[in-house]
Amino acid sequence: VDTGSQVCSLIWSQNERELLSSHGFTQN
C-alpha cells in the first residue's frame, strides 16, 4: 500500500483488525 509518505513505525490493534502507522515527510 502506497502511504504517500515515509513509514516510521507500525502498531497493530490488539482488539480489532486495524493497523496504525506513523509517518514523516510530508505530513508527520
mmCIF file of all heavy atoms, coordinates in Angstrom:
data_MODEL
# 
_entry.id   MODEL 
# 
loop_
_atom_site.group_PDB 
_atom_site.id 
_atom_site.type_symbol 
_atom_site.label_atom_id 
_atom_site.label_alt_id 
_atom_site.label_comp_id 
_atom_site.label_asym_id 
_atom_site.label_entity_id 
_atom_site.label_seq_id 
_atom_site.pdbx_PDB_ins_code 
_atom_site.Cartn_x 
_atom_site.Cartn_y 
_atom_site.Cartn_z 
_atom_site.occupancy 
_atom_site.B_iso_or_equiv 
_atom_site.pdbx_formal_charge 
_atom_site.auth_seq_id 
_atom_site.auth_comp_id 
_atom_site.auth_asym_id 
_atom_site.auth_atom_id 
_atom_site.pdbx_PDB_model_num 
ATOM 1   N N   . VAL A 1 1  ? 0.845   -1.188  0.000  1.00 0.00 ? 1  VAL A N   1 
ATOM 2   C CA  . VAL A 1 1  ? 0.000   0.000   0.000  1.00 0.00 ? 1  VAL A CA  1 
ATOM 3   C C   . VAL A 1 1  ? 0.883   1.241   0.000  1.00 0.00 ? 1  VAL A C   1 
ATOM 4   O O   . VAL A 1 1  ? 1.752   1.390   0.862  1.00 0.00 ? 1  VAL A O   1 
ATOM 5   C CB  . VAL A 1 1  ? -0.922  0.008   1.250  1.00 0.00 ? 1  VAL A CB  1 
ATOM 6   C CG1 . VAL A 1 1  ? -1.753  1.273   1.296  1.00 0.00 ? 1  VAL A CG1 1 
ATOM 7   C CG2 . VAL A 1 1  ? -1.794  -1.222  1.271  1.00 0.00 ? 1  VAL A CG2 1 
ATOM 8   N N   . ASP A 1 2  ? 0.653   2.124   -0.964 1.00 0.00 ? 2  ASP A N   1 
ATOM 9   C CA  . ASP A 1 2  ? 1.368   3.402   -1.030 1.00 0.00 ? 2  ASP A CA  1 
ATOM 10  C C   . ASP A 1 2  ? 0.741   4.341   -0.012 1.00 0.00 ? 2  ASP A C   1 
ATOM 11  O O   . ASP A 1 2  ? -0.449  4.645   -0.097 1.00 0.00 ? 2  ASP A O   1 
ATOM 12  C CB  . ASP A 1 2  ? 1.270   3.982   -2.433 1.00 0.00 ? 2  ASP A CB  1 
ATOM 13  C CG  . ASP A 1 2  ? 2.029   5.290   -2.592 1.00 0.00 ? 2  ASP A CG  1 
ATOM 14  O OD1 . ASP A 1 2  ? 2.666   5.767   -1.629 1.00 0.00 ? 2  ASP A OD1 1 
ATOM 15  O OD2 . ASP A 1 2  ? 1.983   5.851   -3.701 1.00 0.00 ? 2  ASP A OD2 1 
ATOM 16  N N   . THR A 1 3  ? 1.543   4.807   0.961  1.00 0.00 ? 3  THR A N   1 
ATOM 17  C CA  . THR A 1 3  ? 1.024   5.676   2.012  1.00 0.00 ? 3  THR A CA  1 
ATOM 18  C C   . THR A 1 3  ? 1.190   7.159   1.702  1.00 0.00 ? 3  THR A C   1 
ATOM 19  O O   . THR A 1 3  ? 0.627   7.996   2.389  1.00 0.00 ? 3  THR A O   1 
ATOM 20  C CB  . THR A 1 3  ? 1.723   5.385   3.357  1.00 0.00 ? 3  THR A CB  1 
ATOM 21  O OG1 . THR A 1 3  ? 3.097   5.760   3.245  1.00 0.00 ? 3  THR A OG1 1 
ATOM 22  C CG2 . THR A 1 3  ? 1.590   3.923   3.738  1.00 0.00 ? 3  THR A CG2 1 
ATOM 23  N N   . GLY A 1 4  ? 2.014   7.493   0.712  1.00 0.00 ? 4  GLY A N   1 
ATOM 24  C CA  . GLY A 1 4  ? 2.240   8.886   0.362  1.00 0.00 ? 4  GLY A CA  1 
ATOM 25  C C   . GLY A 1 4  ? 3.313   9.576   1.182  1.00 0.00 ? 4  GLY A C   1 
ATOM 26  O O   . GLY A 1 4  ? 3.655   10.722  0.918  1.00 0.00 ? 4  GLY A O   1 
ATOM 27  N N   . SER A 1 5  ? 3.842   8.904   2.204  1.00 0.00 ? 5  SER A N   1 
ATOM 28  C CA  . SER A 1 5  ? 4.937   9.471   2.999  1.00 0.00 ? 5  SER A CA  1 
ATOM 29  C C   . SER A 1 5  ? 5.711   8.347   3.666  1.00 0.00 ? 5  SER A C   1 
ATOM 30  O O   . SER A 1 5  ? 5.232   7.215   3.741  1.00 0.00 ? 5  SER A O   1 
ATOM 31  C CB  . SER A 1 5  ? 4.409   10.465  4.043  1.00 0.00 ? 5  SER A CB  1 
ATOM 32  O OG  . SER A 1 5  ? 3.496   9.839   4.909  1.00 0.00 ? 5  SER A OG  1 
ATOM 33  N N   . GLN A 1 6  ? 6.903   8.668   4.136  1.00 0.00 ? 6  GLN A N   1 
ATOM 34  C CA  . GLN A 1 6  ? 7.736   7.640   4.755  1.00 0.00 ? 6  GLN A CA  1 
ATOM 35  C C   . GLN A 1 6  ? 7.034   7.028   5.959  1.00 0.00 ? 6  GLN A C   1 
ATOM 36  O O   . GLN A 1 6  ? 6.327   7.702   6.694  1.00 0.00 ? 6  GLN A O   1 
ATOM 37  C CB  . GLN A 1 6  ? 9.102   8.197   5.143  1.00 0.00 ? 6  GLN A CB  1 
ATOM 38  C CG  . GLN A 1 6  ? 9.077   9.167   6.273  1.00 0.00 ? 6  GLN A CG  1 
ATOM 39  C CD  . GLN A 1 6  ? 10.444  9.710   6.639  1.00 0.00 ? 6  GLN A CD  1 
ATOM 40  O OE1 . GLN A 1 6  ? 10.512  10.687  7.342  1.00 0.00 ? 6  GLN A OE1 1 
ATOM 41  N NE2 . GLN A 1 6  ? 11.527  9.141   6.184  1.00 0.00 ? 6  GLN A NE2 1 
ATOM 42  N N   . VAL A 1 7  ? 7.225   5.717   6.132  1.00 0.00 ? 7  VAL A N   1 
ATOM 43  C CA  . VAL A 1 7  ? 6.624   4.991   7.249  1.00 0.00 ? 7  VAL A CA  1 
ATOM 44  C C   . VAL A 1 7  ? 7.704   4.826   8.314  1.00 0.00 ? 7  VAL A C   1 
ATOM 45  O O   . VAL A 1 7  ? 8.766   4.269   8.046  1.00 0.00 ? 7  VAL A O   1 
ATOM 46  C CB  . VAL A 1 7  ? 6.085   3.620   6.797  1.00 0.00 ? 7  VAL A CB  1 
ATOM 47  C CG1 . VAL A 1 7  ? 5.444   2.890   7.960  1.00 0.00 ? 7  VAL A CG1 1 
ATOM 48  C CG2 . VAL A 1 7  ? 5.110   3.785   5.645  1.00 0.00 ? 7  VAL A CG2 1 
ATOM 49  N N   . CYS A 1 8  ? 7.429   5.313   9.522  1.00 0.00 ? 8  CYS A N   1 
ATOM 50  C CA  . CYS A 1 8  ? 8.424   5.294   10.594 1.00 0.00 ? 8  CYS A CA  1 
ATOM 51  C C   . CYS A 1 8  ? 8.139   4.234   11.650 1.00 0.00 ? 8  CYS A C   1 
ATOM 52  O O   . CYS A 1 8  ? 9.065   3.756   12.299 1.00 0.00 ? 8  CYS A O   1 
ATOM 53  C CB  . CYS A 1 8  ? 8.494   6.663   11.255 1.00 0.00 ? 8  CYS A CB  1 
ATOM 54  S SG  . CYS A 1 8  ? 8.952   7.981   10.114 1.00 0.00 ? 8  CYS A SG  1 
ATOM 55  N N   . SER A 1 9  ? 6.871   3.890   11.846 1.00 0.00 ? 9  SER A N   1 
ATOM 56  C CA  . SER A 1 9  ? 6.509   2.946   12.894 1.00 0.00 ? 9  SER A CA  1 
ATOM 57  C C   . SER A 1 9  ? 5.152   2.333   12.573 1.00 0.00 ? 9  SER A C   1 
ATOM 58  O O   . SER A 1 9  ? 4.336   2.958   11.897 1.00 0.00 ? 9  SER A O   1 
ATOM 59  C CB  . SER A 1 9  ? 6.468   3.679   14.243 1.00 0.00 ? 9  SER A CB  1 
ATOM 60  O OG  . SER A 1 9  ? 6.259   2.793   15.307 1.00 0.00 ? 9  SER A OG  1 
ATOM 61  N N   . LEU A 1 10 ? 4.934   1.098   13.060 1.00 0.00 ? 10 LEU A N   1 
ATOM 62  C CA  . LEU A 1 10 ? 3.672   0.397   12.854 1.00 0.00 ? 10 LEU A CA  1 
ATOM 63  C C   . LEU A 1 10 ? 3.235   -0.275  14.143 1.00 0.00 ? 10 LEU A C   1 
ATOM 64  O O   . LEU A 1 10 ? 4.066   -0.819  14.874 1.00 0.00 ? 10 LEU A O   1 
ATOM 65  C CB  . LEU A 1 10 ? 3.822   -0.695  11.787 1.00 0.00 ? 10 LEU A CB  1 
ATOM 66  C CG  . LEU A 1 10 ? 4.122   -0.251  10.358 1.00 0.00 ? 10 LEU A CG  1 
ATOM 67  C CD1 . LEU A 1 10 ? 4.565   -1.440  9.516  1.00 0.00 ? 10 LEU A CD1 1 
ATOM 68  C CD2 . LEU A 1 10 ? 2.897   0.418   9.748  1.00 0.00 ? 10 LEU A CD2 1 
ATOM 69  N N   . ILE A 1 11 ? 1.933   -0.233  14.422 1.00 0.00 ? 11 ILE A N   1 
ATOM 70  C CA  . ILE A 1 11 ? 1.358   -0.921  15.584 1.00 0.00 ? 11 ILE A CA  1 
ATOM 71  C C   . ILE A 1 11 ? 0.022   -1.532  15.170 1.00 0.00 ? 11 ILE A C   1 
ATOM 72  O O   . ILE A 1 11 ? -0.831  -0.834  14.619 1.00 0.00 ? 11 ILE A O   1 
ATOM 73  C CB  . ILE A 1 11 ? 1.127   0.031   16.776 1.00 0.00 ? 11 ILE A CB  1 
ATOM 74  C CG1 . ILE A 1 11 ? 2.448   0.514   17.352 1.00 0.00 ? 11 ILE A CG1 1 
ATOM 75  C CG2 . ILE A 1 11 ? 0.307   -0.658  17.866 1.00 0.00 ? 11 ILE A CG2 1 
ATOM 76  C CD1 . ILE A 1 11 ? 2.283   1.468   18.533 1.00 0.00 ? 11 ILE A CD1 1 
ATOM 77  N N   . TRP A 1 12 ? -0.158  -2.822  15.462 1.00 0.00 ? 12 TRP A N   1 
ATOM 78  C CA  . TRP A 1 12 ? -1.440  -3.483  15.256 1.00 0.00 ? 12 TRP A CA  1 
ATOM 79  C C   . TRP A 1 12 ? -2.324  -3.270  16.475 1.00 0.00 ? 12 TRP A C   1 
ATOM 80  O O   . TRP A 1 12 ? -1.839  -3.279  17.604 1.00 0.00 ? 12 TRP A O   1 
ATOM 81  C CB  . TRP A 1 12 ? -1.254  -4.989  15.086 1.00 0.00 ? 12 TRP A CB  1 
ATOM 82  C CG  . TRP A 1 12 ? -0.648  -5.420  13.797 1.00 0.00 ? 12 TRP A CG  1 
ATOM 83  C CD1 . TRP A 1 12 ? 0.676   -5.670  13.561 1.00 0.00 ? 12 TRP A CD1 1 
ATOM 84  C CD2 . TRP A 1 12 ? -1.331  -5.693  12.574 1.00 0.00 ? 12 TRP A CD2 1 
ATOM 85  N NE1 . TRP A 1 12 ? 0.850   -6.069  12.268 1.00 0.00 ? 12 TRP A NE1 1 
ATOM 86  C CE2 . TRP A 1 12 ? -0.369  -6.099  11.632 1.00 0.00 ? 12 TRP A CE2 1 
ATOM 87  C CE3 . TRP A 1 12 ? -2.675  -5.633  12.190 1.00 0.00 ? 12 TRP A CE3 1 
ATOM 88  C CZ2 . TRP A 1 12 ? -0.701  -6.448  10.330 1.00 0.00 ? 12 TRP A CZ2 1 
ATOM 89  C CZ3 . TRP A 1 12 ? -2.997  -5.975  10.891 1.00 0.00 ? 12 TRP A CZ3 1 
ATOM 90  C CH2 . TRP A 1 12 ? -2.021  -6.374  9.975  1.00 0.00 ? 12 TRP A CH2 1 
ATOM 91  N N   . SER A 1 13 ? -3.623  -3.142  16.246 1.00 0.00 ? 13 SER A N   1 
ATOM 92  C CA  . SER A 1 13 ? -4.581  -3.137  17.344 1.00 0.00 ? 13 SER A CA  1 
ATOM 93  C C   . SER A 1 13 ? -4.612  -4.525  17.964 1.00 0.00 ? 13 SER A C   1 
ATOM 94  O O   . SER A 1 13 ? -4.542  -5.533  17.258 1.00 0.00 ? 13 SER A O   1 
ATOM 95  C CB  . SER A 1 13 ? -5.976  -2.778  16.825 1.00 0.00 ? 13 SER A CB  1 
ATOM 96  O OG  . SER A 1 13 ? -6.950  -3.018  17.824 1.00 0.00 ? 13 SER A OG  1 
ATOM 97  N N   . GLN A 1 14 ? -4.729  -4.576  19.277 1.00 0.00 ? 14 GLN A N   1 
ATOM 98  C CA  . GLN A 1 14 ? -4.831  -5.855  19.977 1.00 0.00 ? 14 GLN A CA  1 
ATOM 99  C C   . GLN A 1 14 ? -6.243  -6.420  19.919 1.00 0.00 ? 14 GLN A C   1 
ATOM 100 O O   . GLN A 1 14 ? -6.446  -7.598  20.202 1.00 0.00 ? 14 GLN A O   1 
ATOM 101 C CB  . GLN A 1 14 ? -4.420  -5.688  21.441 1.00 0.00 ? 14 GLN A CB  1 
ATOM 102 C CG  . GLN A 1 14 ? -2.981  -5.298  21.627 1.00 0.00 ? 14 GLN A CG  1 
ATOM 103 C CD  . GLN A 1 14 ? -2.647  -5.010  23.081 1.00 0.00 ? 14 GLN A CD  1 
ATOM 104 O OE1 . GLN A 1 14 ? -3.421  -5.289  23.993 1.00 0.00 ? 14 GLN A OE1 1 
ATOM 105 N NE2 . GLN A 1 14 ? -1.478  -4.444  23.303 1.00 0.00 ? 14 GLN A NE2 1 
ATOM 106 N N   . ASN A 1 15 ? -7.221  -5.580  19.570 1.00 0.00 ? 15 ASN A N   1 
ATOM 107 C CA  . ASN A 1 15 ? -8.620  -5.981  19.665 1.00 0.00 ? 15 ASN A CA  1 
ATOM 108 C C   . ASN A 1 15 ? -9.394  -5.948  18.355 1.00 0.00 ? 15 ASN A C   1 
ATOM 109 O O   . ASN A 1 15 ? -10.446 -6.558  18.251 1.00 0.00 ? 15 ASN A O   1 
ATOM 110 C CB  . ASN A 1 15 ? -9.335  -5.097  20.693 1.00 0.00 ? 15 ASN A CB  1 
ATOM 111 C CG  . ASN A 1 15 ? -8.609  -5.105  22.012 1.00 0.00 ? 15 ASN A CG  1 
ATOM 112 O OD1 . ASN A 1 15 ? -8.425  -6.147  22.620 1.00 0.00 ? 15 ASN A OD1 1 
ATOM 113 N ND2 . ASN A 1 15 ? -8.145  -3.943  22.444 1.00 0.00 ? 15 ASN A ND2 1 
ATOM 114 N N   . GLU A 1 16 ? -8.929  -5.211  17.385 1.00 0.00 ? 16 GLU A N   1 
ATOM 115 C CA  . GLU A 1 16 ? -9.616  -5.069  16.099 1.00 0.00 ? 16 GLU A CA  1 
ATOM 116 C C   . GLU A 1 16 ? -8.628  -5.373  14.979 1.00 0.00 ? 16 GLU A C   1 
ATOM 117 O O   . GLU A 1 16 ? -7.426  -5.388  15.185 1.00 0.00 ? 16 GLU A O   1 
ATOM 118 C CB  . GLU A 1 16 ? -10.150 -3.636  15.927 1.00 0.00 ? 16 GLU A CB  1 
ATOM 119 C CG  . GLU A 1 16 ? -11.135 -3.208  16.973 1.00 0.00 ? 16 GLU A CG  1 
ATOM 120 C CD  . GLU A 1 16 ? -12.467 -3.927  16.877 1.00 0.00 ? 16 GLU A CD  1 
ATOM 121 O OE1 . GLU A 1 16 ? -12.846 -4.350  15.758 1.00 0.00 ? 16 GLU A OE1 1 
ATOM 122 O OE2 . GLU A 1 16 ? -13.137 -4.072  17.916 1.00 0.00 ? 16 GLU A OE2 1 
ATOM 123 N N   . ARG A 1 17 ? -9.143  -5.556  13.794 1.00 0.00 ? 17 ARG A N   1 
ATOM 124 C CA  . ARG A 1 17 ? -8.285  -5.768  12.624 1.00 0.00 ? 17 ARG A CA  1 
ATOM 125 C C   . ARG A 1 17 ? -7.933  -4.404  12.037 1.00 0.00 ? 17 ARG A C   1 
ATOM 126 O O   . ARG A 1 17 ? -8.468  -3.991  11.002 1.00 0.00 ? 17 ARG A O   1 
ATOM 127 C CB  . ARG A 1 17 ? -8.962  -6.686  11.623 1.00 0.00 ? 17 ARG A CB  1 
ATOM 128 C CG  . ARG A 1 17 ? -9.069  -8.097  12.177 1.00 0.00 ? 17 ARG A CG  1 
ATOM 129 C CD  . ARG A 1 17 ? -9.717  -9.049  11.221 1.00 0.00 ? 17 ARG A CD  1 
ATOM 130 N NE  . ARG A 1 17 ? -9.809  -10.357 11.846 1.00 0.00 ? 17 ARG A NE  1 
ATOM 131 C CZ  . ARG A 1 17 ? -9.063  -11.403 11.516 1.00 0.00 ? 17 ARG A CZ  1 
ATOM 132 N NH1 . ARG A 1 17 ? -8.175  -11.304 10.552 1.00 0.00 ? 17 ARG A NH1 1 
ATOM 133 N NH2 . ARG A 1 17 ? -9.192  -12.548 12.141 1.00 0.00 ? 17 ARG A NH2 1 
ATOM 134 N N   . GLU A 1 18 ? -7.053  -3.709  12.758 1.00 0.00 ? 18 GLU A N   1 
ATOM 135 C CA  . GLU A 1 18 ? -6.621  -2.368  12.388 1.00 0.00 ? 18 GLU A CA  1 
ATOM 136 C C   . GLU A 1 18 ? -5.122  -2.242  12.589 1.00 0.00 ? 18 GLU A C   1 
ATOM 137 O O   . GLU A 1 18 ? -4.530  -2.908  13.435 1.00 0.00 ? 18 GLU A O   1 
ATOM 138 C CB  . GLU A 1 18 ? -7.327  -1.325  13.252 1.00 0.00 ? 18 GLU A CB  1 
ATOM 139 C CG  . GLU A 1 18 ? -8.832  -1.312  13.089 1.00 0.00 ? 18 GLU A CG  1 
ATOM 140 C CD  . GLU A 1 18 ? -9.553  -0.443  14.103 1.00 0.00 ? 18 GLU A CD  1 
ATOM 141 O OE1 . GLU A 1 18 ? -8.939  -0.030  15.108 1.00 0.00 ? 18 GLU A OE1 1 
ATOM 142 O OE2 . GLU A 1 18 ? -10.743 -0.205  13.892 1.00 0.00 ? 18 GLU A OE2 1 
ATOM 143 N N   . LEU A 1 19 ? -4.532  -1.353  11.786 1.00 0.00 ? 19 LEU A N   1 
ATOM 144 C CA  . LEU A 1 19 ? -3.099  -1.091  11.851 1.00 0.00 ? 19 LEU A CA  1 
ATOM 145 C C   . LEU A 1 19 ? -2.893  0.413   11.914 1.00 0.00 ? 19 LEU A C   1 
ATOM 146 O O   . LEU A 1 19 ? -3.525  1.167   11.157 1.00 0.00 ? 19 LEU A O   1 
ATOM 147 C CB  . LEU A 1 19 ? -2.402  -1.663  10.604 1.00 0.00 ? 19 LEU A CB  1 
ATOM 148 C CG  . LEU A 1 19 ? -0.898  -1.462  10.493 1.00 0.00 ? 19 LEU A CG  1 
ATOM 149 C CD1 . LEU A 1 19 ? -0.168  -2.297  11.545 1.00 0.00 ? 19 LEU A CD1 1 
ATOM 150 C CD2 . LEU A 1 19 ? -0.413  -1.828  9.102  1.00 0.00 ? 19 LEU A CD2 1 
ATOM 151 N N   . LEU A 1 20 ? -2.029  0.857   12.811 1.00 0.00 ? 20 LEU A N   1 
ATOM 152 C CA  . LEU A 1 20 ? -1.687  2.273   12.942 1.00 0.00 ? 20 LEU A CA  1 
ATOM 153 C C   . LEU A 1 20 ? -0.275  2.469   12.417 1.00 0.00 ? 20 LEU A C   1 
ATOM 154 O O   . LEU A 1 20 ? 0.643   1.735   12.793 1.00 0.00 ? 20 LEU A O   1 
ATOM 155 C CB  . LEU A 1 20 ? -1.781  2.709   14.404 1.00 0.00 ? 20 LEU A CB  1 
ATOM 156 C CG  . LEU A 1 20 ? -1.533  4.186   14.689 1.00 0.00 ? 20 LEU A CG  1 
ATOM 157 C CD1 . LEU A 1 20 ? -2.641  5.051   14.089 1.00 0.00 ? 20 LEU A CD1 1 
ATOM 158 C CD2 . LEU A 1 20 ? -1.432  4.428   16.195 1.00 0.00 ? 20 LEU A CD2 1 
ATOM 159 N N   . SER A 1 21 ? -0.109  3.446   11.541 1.00 0.00 ? 21 SER A N   1 
ATOM 160 C CA  . SER A 1 21 ? 1.216   3.767   11.008 1.00 0.00 ? 21 SER A CA  1 
ATOM 161 C C   . SER A 1 21 ? 1.563   5.200   11.382 1.00 0.00 ? 21 SER A C   1 
ATOM 162 O O   . SER A 1 21 ? 0.698   6.061   11.458 1.00 0.00 ? 21 SER A O   1 
ATOM 163 C CB  . SER A 1 21 ? 1.245   3.590   9.486  1.00 0.00 ? 21 SER A CB  1 
ATOM 164 O OG  . SER A 1 21 ? 0.248   4.367   8.858  1.00 0.00 ? 21 SER A OG  1 
ATOM 165 N N   . SER A 1 22 ? 2.866   5.429   11.638 1.00 0.00 ? 22 SER A N   1 
ATOM 166 C CA  . SER A 1 22 ? 3.324   6.803   11.865 1.00 0.00 ? 22 SER A CA  1 
ATOM 167 C C   . SER A 1 22 ? 4.214   7.183   10.692 1.00 0.00 ? 22 SER A C   1 
ATOM 168 O O   . SER A 1 22 ? 4.870   6.341   10.091 1.00 0.00 ? 22 SER A O   1 
ATOM 169 C CB  . SER A 1 22 ? 4.071   6.940   13.188 1.00 0.00 ? 22 SER A CB  1 
ATOM 170 O OG  . SER A 1 22 ? 5.353   6.357   13.125 1.00 0.00 ? 22 SER A OG  1 
ATOM 171 N N   . HIS A 1 23 ? 4.205   8.505   10.393 1.00 0.00 ? 23 HIS A N   1 
ATOM 172 C CA  . HIS A 1 23 ? 4.845   8.959   9.157  1.00 0.00 ? 23 HIS A CA  1 
ATOM 173 C C   . HIS A 1 23 ? 5.723   10.176  9.384  1.00 0.00 ? 23 HIS A C   1 
ATOM 174 O O   . HIS A 1 23 ? 5.595   10.891  10.367 1.00 0.00 ? 23 HIS A O   1 
ATOM 175 C CB  . HIS A 1 23 ? 3.766   9.292   8.116  1.00 0.00 ? 23 HIS A CB  1 
ATOM 176 C CG  . HIS A 1 23 ? 2.921   8.114   7.785  1.00 0.00 ? 23 HIS A CG  1 
ATOM 177 N ND1 . HIS A 1 23 ? 3.249   7.217   6.811  1.00 0.00 ? 23 HIS A ND1 1 
ATOM 178 C CD2 . HIS A 1 23 ? 1.766   7.657   8.336  1.00 0.00 ? 23 HIS A CD2 1 
ATOM 179 C CE1 . HIS A 1 23 ? 2.332   6.261   6.756  1.00 0.00 ? 23 HIS A CE1 1 
ATOM 180 N NE2 . HIS A 1 23 ? 1.421   6.512   7.676  1.00 0.00 ? 23 HIS A NE2 1 
ATOM 181 N N   . GLY A 1 24 ? 6.580   10.385  8.417  1.00 0.00 ? 24 GLY A N   1 
ATOM 182 C CA  . GLY A 1 24 ? 7.415   11.573  8.375  1.00 0.00 ? 24 GLY A CA  1 
ATOM 183 C C   . GLY A 1 24 ? 6.980   12.426  7.203  1.00 0.00 ? 24 GLY A C   1 
ATOM 184 O O   . GLY A 1 24 ? 5.786   12.585  6.962  1.00 0.00 ? 24 GLY A O   1 
ATOM 185 N N   . PHE A 1 25 ? 7.959   12.883  6.478  1.00 0.00 ? 25 PHE A N   1 
ATOM 186 C CA  . PHE A 1 25 ? 7.724   13.820  5.387  1.00 0.00 ? 25 PHE A CA  1 
ATOM 187 C C   . PHE A 1 25 ? 6.626   13.303  4.478  1.00 0.00 ? 25 PHE A C   1 
ATOM 188 O O   . PHE A 1 25 ? 6.658   12.171  4.068  1.00 0.00 ? 25 PHE A O   1 
ATOM 189 C CB  . PHE A 1 25 ? 9.028   14.024  4.615  1.00 0.00 ? 25 PHE A CB  1 
ATOM 190 C CG  . PHE A 1 25 ? 10.208  14.283  5.529  1.00 0.00 ? 25 PHE A CG  1 
ATOM 191 C CD1 . PHE A 1 25 ? 11.206  13.333  5.691  1.00 0.00 ? 25 PHE A CD1 1 
ATOM 192 C CD2 . PHE A 1 25 ? 10.292  15.452  6.258  1.00 0.00 ? 25 PHE A CD2 1 
ATOM 193 C CE1 . PHE A 1 25 ? 12.265  13.556  6.540  1.00 0.00 ? 25 PHE A CE1 1 
ATOM 194 C CE2 . PHE A 1 25 ? 11.352  15.677  7.114  1.00 0.00 ? 25 PHE A CE2 1 
ATOM 195 C CZ  . PHE A 1 25 ? 12.331  14.724  7.246  1.00 0.00 ? 25 PHE A CZ  1 
ATOM 196 N N   . THR A 1 26 ? 5.558   13.960  4.245  1.00 0.00 ? 26 THR A N   1 
ATOM 197 C CA  . THR A 1 26 ? 5.424   15.394  4.408  1.00 0.00 ? 26 THR A CA  1 
ATOM 198 C C   . THR A 1 26 ? 4.441   15.813  5.494  1.00 0.00 ? 26 THR A C   1 
ATOM 199 O O   . THR A 1 26 ? 4.498   16.961  5.950  1.00 0.00 ? 26 THR A O   1 
ATOM 200 C CB  . THR A 1 26 ? 4.938   16.037  3.093  1.00 0.00 ? 26 THR A CB  1 
ATOM 201 O OG1 . THR A 1 26 ? 3.684   15.475  2.745  1.00 0.00 ? 26 THR A OG1 1 
ATOM 202 C CG2 . THR A 1 26 ? 5.886   15.817  1.954  1.00 0.00 ? 26 THR A CG2 1 
ATOM 203 N N   . GLN A 1 27 ? 3.551   14.942  5.918  1.00 0.00 ? 27 GLN A N   1 
ATOM 204 C CA  . GLN A 1 27 ? 2.508   15.395  6.833  1.00 0.00 ? 27 GLN A CA  1 
ATOM 205 C C   . GLN A 1 27 ? 2.782   15.091  8.304  1.00 0.00 ? 27 GLN A C   1 
ATOM 206 O O   . GLN A 1 27 ? 2.082   15.608  9.168  1.00 0.00 ? 27 GLN A O   1 
ATOM 207 C CB  . GLN A 1 27 ? 1.166   14.793  6.435  1.00 0.00 ? 27 GLN A CB  1 
ATOM 208 C CG  . GLN A 1 27 ? 0.695   15.278  5.093  1.00 0.00 ? 27 GLN A CG  1 
ATOM 209 C CD  . GLN A 1 27 ? -0.650  14.688  4.723  1.00 0.00 ? 27 GLN A CD  1 
ATOM 210 O OE1 . GLN A 1 27 ? -1.418  14.282  5.576  1.00 0.00 ? 27 GLN A OE1 1 
ATOM 211 N NE2 . GLN A 1 27 ? -0.932  14.624  3.441  1.00 0.00 ? 27 GLN A NE2 1 
ATOM 212 N N   . ASN A 1 28 ? 3.728   14.222  8.622  1.00 0.00 ? 28 ASN A N   1 
ATOM 213 C CA  . ASN A 1 28 ? 4.080   13.903  10.019 1.00 0.00 ? 28 ASN A CA  1 
ATOM 214 C C   . ASN A 1 28 ? 2.863   13.450  10.830 1.00 0.00 ? 28 ASN A C   1 
ATOM 215 O O   . ASN A 1 28 ? 2.655   13.864  11.953 1.00 0.00 ? 28 ASN A O   1 
ATOM 216 C CB  . ASN A 1 28 ? 4.743   15.112  10.689 1.00 0.00 ? 28 ASN A CB  1 
ATOM 217 C CG  . ASN A 1 28 ? 5.877   15.669  9.861  1.00 0.00 ? 28 ASN A CG  1 
ATOM 218 O OD1 . ASN A 1 28 ? 6.752   14.934  9.423  1.00 0.00 ? 28 ASN A OD1 1 
ATOM 219 N ND2 . ASN A 1 28 ? 5.864   16.959  9.617  1.00 0.00 ? 28 ASN A ND2 1 
# 
